[in-house]
Amino acid sequence: MTVIKIRIDFDGDRYIGHGRIQLLELIGQHGSIAQAAKAMGMSYKRAWYLMDEFSALFADPLIERQHGGRGGGAAKLTPFGADVVRHYRDMEAKALTAFSKQLAAIEKHLLPVEKTNSKPAKKLAQTSRS
């Protein structure tokens, strides 16, 4: 299955990318930064840092945090956070549709998966100079 993962670069080294959106989605699904981090195979500290950095891009909060207690902390997406995820996924879907012909033209030249999982051989086109 072909997917398109986009990265949107704003000015000042600010960006939205697939990993940040995935983390945000998983926080929404699990209701926890720790559980979202676990689902992505990263440390809680790293996930917290990434979410803090991502949230700092916006005037509106992406998530609401409830600090630990008896059952531990919790986090949920704000309506704005849910909008960011929805807009991003919509752009990905539209890009896949918009580029479907070009992707098909490229895909027909791909090797089967089992051949690409072996040690890669260097394939360089030879050209002659006159």
C-alpha atoms as a PDB file:
ATOM      1  CA  MET A   1       0.000   0.000   0.000  1.00  0.00           C
ATOM      2  CA  THR A   2       1.345   3.370  -0.971  1.00  0.00           C
ATOM      3  CA  VAL A   3       1.116   6.270   1.454  1.00  0.00           C
ATOM      4  CA  ILE A   4       2.249   9.847   1.287  1.00  0.00           C
ATOM      5  CA  LYS A   5       3.748  11.387   4.398  1.00  0.00           C
ATOM      6  CA  ILE A   6       4.054  15.118   4.190  1.00  0.00           C
ATOM      7  CA  ARG A   7       6.094  17.660   6.085  1.00  0.00           C
ATOM      8  CA  ILE A   8       4.962  21.251   6.172  1.00  0.00           C
ATOM      9  CA  ASP A   9       7.740  23.749   6.808  1.00  0.00           C
ATOM     10  CA  PHE A  10       6.792  27.157   8.112  1.00  0.00           C
ATOM     11  CA  ASP A  11       9.227  30.016   8.588  1.00  0.00           C
ATOM     12  CA  GLY A  12      11.642  29.991  11.511  1.00  0.00           C
ATOM     13  CA  ASP A  13      12.388  26.240  11.497  1.00  0.00           C
ATOM     14  CA  ARG A  14       8.807  25.433  12.471  1.00  0.00           C
ATOM     15  CA  TYR A  15       7.197  22.368  10.922  1.00  0.00           C
ATOM     16  CA  ILE A  16       4.451  19.784  11.105  1.00  0.00           C
ATOM     17  CA  GLY A  17       5.402  16.249  10.170  1.00  0.00           C
ATOM     18  CA  HIS A  18       4.094  12.707  10.235  1.00  0.00           C
ATOM     19  CA  GLY A  19       5.701  11.767  13.557  1.00  0.00           C
ATOM     20  CA  ARG A  20       4.298  14.746  15.426  1.00  0.00           C
ATOM     21  CA  ILE A  21       0.830  14.110  14.049  1.00  0.00           C
ATOM     22  CA  GLN A  22       1.066  10.402  14.885  1.00  0.00           C
ATOM     23  CA  LEU A  23       2.046  11.242  18.474  1.00  0.00           C
ATOM     24  CA  LEU A  24      -0.860  13.662  18.733  1.00  0.00           C
ATOM     25  CA  GLU A  25      -3.256  11.047  17.347  1.00  0.00           C
ATOM     26  CA  LEU A  26      -2.022   8.415  19.780  1.00  0.00           C
ATOM     27  CA  ILE A  27      -2.426  10.791  22.718  1.00  0.00           C
ATOM     28  CA  GLY A  28      -6.019  11.264  21.573  1.00  0.00           C
ATOM     29  CA  GLN A  29      -6.556   7.505  21.278  1.00  0.00           C
ATOM     30  CA  HIS A  30      -4.881   6.488  24.535  1.00  0.00           C
ATOM     31  CA  GLY A  31      -5.640   9.534  26.679  1.00  0.00           C
ATOM     32  CA  SER A  32      -2.056   9.500  27.869  1.00  0.00           C
ATOM     33  CA  ILE A  33       1.313  10.805  26.721  1.00  0.00           C
ATOM     34  CA  ALA A  34       2.996   7.798  28.356  1.00  0.00           C
ATOM     35  CA  GLN A  35       0.788   5.304  26.494  1.00  0.00           C
ATOM     36  CA  ALA A  36       1.229   7.188  23.216  1.00  0.00           C
ATOM     37  CA  ALA A  37       5.004   7.113  23.722  1.00  0.00           C
ATOM     38  CA  LYS A  38       4.891   3.378  24.409  1.00  0.00           C
ATOM     39  CA  ALA A  39       2.835   2.795  21.241  1.00  0.00           C
ATOM     40  CA  MET A  40       5.485   4.668  19.231  1.00  0.00           C
ATOM     41  CA  GLY A  41       8.381   2.889  20.909  1.00  0.00           C
ATOM     42  CA  MET A  42       9.831   6.021  22.483  1.00  0.00           C
ATOM     43  CA  SER A  43      10.473   7.173  26.008  1.00  0.00           C
ATOM     44  CA  TYR A  44       7.912   9.220  27.900  1.00  0.00           C
ATOM     45  CA  LYS A  45      10.501  11.975  28.286  1.00  0.00           C
ATOM     46  CA  ARG A  46      11.075  12.142  24.515  1.00  0.00           C
ATOM     47  CA  ALA A  47       7.330  12.155  23.777  1.00  0.00           C
ATOM     48  CA  TRP A  48       6.721  14.879  26.362  1.00  0.00           C
ATOM     49  CA  TYR A  49       9.545  16.964  24.890  1.00  0.00           C
ATOM     50  CA  LEU A  50       8.235  16.516  21.318  1.00  0.00           C
ATOM     51  CA  MET A  51       4.688  17.399  22.317  1.00  0.00           C
ATOM     52  CA  ASP A  52       5.883  20.435  24.268  1.00  0.00           C
ATOM     53  CA  GLU A  53       7.957  21.585  21.267  1.00  0.00           C
ATOM     54  CA  PHE A  54       5.066  20.982  18.862  1.00  0.00           C
ATOM     55  CA  SER A  55       2.561  22.783  21.108  1.00  0.00           C
ATOM     56  CA  ALA A  56       4.876  25.797  21.308  1.00  0.00           C
ATOM     57  CA  LEU A  57       4.262  26.463  17.605  1.00  0.00           C
ATOM     58  CA  PHE A  58       0.656  27.445  18.179  1.00  0.00           C
ATOM     59  CA  ALA A  59      -1.258  30.156  20.005  1.00  0.00           C
ATOM     60  CA  ASP A  60      -3.887  27.560  20.963  1.00  0.00           C
ATOM     61  CA  PRO A  61      -3.139  24.386  22.953  1.00  0.00           C
ATOM     62  CA  LEU A  62      -3.066  21.008  21.204  1.00  0.00           C
ATOM     63  CA  ILE A  63      -3.661  18.903  24.304  1.00  0.00           C
ATOM     64  CA  GLU A  64      -5.030  19.294  27.805  1.00  0.00           C
ATOM     65  CA  ARG A  65      -3.002  17.603  30.534  1.00  0.00           C
ATOM     66  CA  GLN A  66      -4.218  16.321  33.850  1.00  0.00           C
ATOM     67  CA  HIS A  67      -1.309  15.781  36.197  1.00  0.00           C
ATOM     68  CA  GLY A  68      -0.792  12.475  37.963  1.00  0.00           C
ATOM     69  CA  GLY A  69      -2.644  11.275  40.913  1.00  0.00           C
ATOM     70  CA  ARG A  70      -3.991   7.949  41.939  1.00  0.00           C
ATOM     71  CA  GLY A  71      -4.321   6.601  38.404  1.00  0.00           C
ATOM     72  CA  GLY A  72      -1.519   8.654  36.912  1.00  0.00           C
ATOM     73  CA  GLY A  73      -1.796  11.595  34.557  1.00  0.00           C
ATOM     74  CA  ALA A  74      -3.992  11.933  31.544  1.00  0.00           C
ATOM     75  CA  ALA A  75      -4.007  13.933  28.343  1.00  0.00           C
ATOM     76  CA  LYS A  76      -6.610  14.607  25.716  1.00  0.00           C
ATOM     77  CA  LEU A  77      -6.726  16.524  22.479  1.00  0.00           C
ATOM     78  CA  THR A  78      -8.264  19.940  22.506  1.00  0.00           C
ATOM     79  CA  PRO A  79     -10.707  20.754  19.710  1.00  0.00           C
ATOM     80  CA  PHE A  80      -7.832  22.646  18.041  1.00  0.00           C
ATOM     81  CA  GLY A  81      -5.524  19.602  18.401  1.00  0.00           C
ATOM     82  CA  ALA A  82      -8.176  17.416  16.770  1.00  0.00           C
ATOM     83  CA  ASP A  83      -8.499  20.001  13.966  1.00  0.00           C
ATOM     84  CA  VAL A  84      -4.728  19.960  13.337  1.00  0.00           C
ATOM     85  CA  VAL A  85      -4.772  16.162  13.016  1.00  0.00           C
ATOM     86  CA  ARG A  86      -7.835  16.209  10.761  1.00  0.00           C
ATOM     87  CA  HIS A  87      -6.423  18.927   8.483  1.00  0.00           C
ATOM     88  CA  TYR A  88      -3.063  17.152   8.203  1.00  0.00           C
ATOM     89  CA  ARG A  89      -4.631  13.759   7.367  1.00  0.00           C
ATOM     90  CA  ASP A  90      -6.920  15.454   4.854  1.00  0.00           C
ATOM     91  CA  MET A  91      -3.896  17.020   3.120  1.00  0.00           C
ATOM     92  CA  GLU A  92      -2.192  13.605   2.978  1.00  0.00           C
ATOM     93  CA  ALA A  93      -5.285  12.006   1.441  1.00  0.00           C
ATOM     94  CA  LYS A  94      -5.620  14.797  -1.130  1.00  0.00           C
ATOM     95  CA  ALA A  95      -1.927  14.520  -2.030  1.00  0.00           C
ATOM     96  CA  LEU A  96      -2.295  10.768  -2.584  1.00  0.00           C
ATOM     97  CA  THR A  97      -5.268  11.384  -4.869  1.00  0.00           C
ATOM     98  CA  ALA A  98      -3.591  14.266  -6.710  1.00  0.00           C
ATOM     99  CA  PHE A  99      -0.429  12.273  -7.401  1.00  0.00           C
ATOM    100  CA  SER A 100      -2.005   8.863  -8.072  1.00  0.00           C
ATOM    101  CA  LYS A 101      -1.001   8.770 -11.776  1.00  0.00           C
ATOM    102  CA  GLN A 102       2.589   9.770 -11.086  1.00  0.00           C
ATOM    103  CA  LEU A 103       2.834   7.279  -8.218  1.00  0.00           C
ATOM    104  CA  ALA A 104       1.479   4.491 -10.415  1.00  0.00           C
ATOM    105  CA  ALA A 105       4.069   5.324 -13.089  1.00  0.00           C
ATOM    106  CA  ILE A 106       6.852   5.064 -10.510  1.00  0.00           C
ATOM    107  CA  GLU A 107       5.448   2.001  -8.721  1.00  0.00           C
ATOM    108  CA  LYS A 108       5.372  -0.106 -11.874  1.00  0.00           C
ATOM    109  CA  HIS A 109       9.185   0.010 -11.840  1.00  0.00           C
ATOM    110  CA  LEU A 110       9.589  -1.116  -8.233  1.00  0.00           C
ATOM    111  CA  LEU A 111      11.205  -4.447  -7.491  1.00  0.00           C
ATOM    112  CA  PRO A 112       9.142  -6.962  -5.514  1.00  0.00           C
ATOM    113  CA  VAL A 113       9.442  -6.453  -1.746  1.00  0.00           C
ATOM    114  CA  GLU A 114      11.376  -9.686  -1.208  1.00  0.00           C
ATOM    115  CA  LYS A 115      14.092  -8.508  -3.600  1.00  0.00           C
ATOM    116  CA  THR A 116      14.435  -5.107  -1.958  1.00  0.00           C
ATOM    117  CA  ASN A 117      14.784  -6.626   1.517  1.00  0.00           C
ATOM    118  CA  SER A 118      18.013  -8.370   0.560  1.00  0.00           C
ATOM    119  CA  LYS A 119      21.359  -6.606   0.445  1.00  0.00           C
ATOM    120  CA  PRO A 120      20.969  -3.736  -2.027  1.00  0.00           C
ATOM    121  CA  ALA A 121      22.976  -3.896  -5.206  1.00  0.00           C
ATOM    122  CA  LYS A 122      24.210  -0.672  -6.710  1.00  0.00           C
ATOM    123  CA  LYS A 123      22.471   0.007  -9.966  1.00  0.00           C
ATOM    124  CA  LEU A 124      23.862   2.956 -11.798  1.00  0.00           C
ATOM    125  CA  ALA A 125      23.070   3.753 -15.358  1.00  0.00           C
ATOM    126  CA  GLN A 126      26.158   3.870 -17.518  1.00  0.00           C
ATOM    127  CA  THR A 127      26.396   6.732 -19.935  1.00  0.00           C
ATOM    128  CA  SER A 128      29.026   7.380 -22.510  1.00  0.00           C
ATOM    129  CA  ARG A 129      30.598  10.745 -23.091  1.00  0.00           C
ATOM    130  CA  SER A 130      31.321  11.879 -26.573  1.00  0.00           C
END
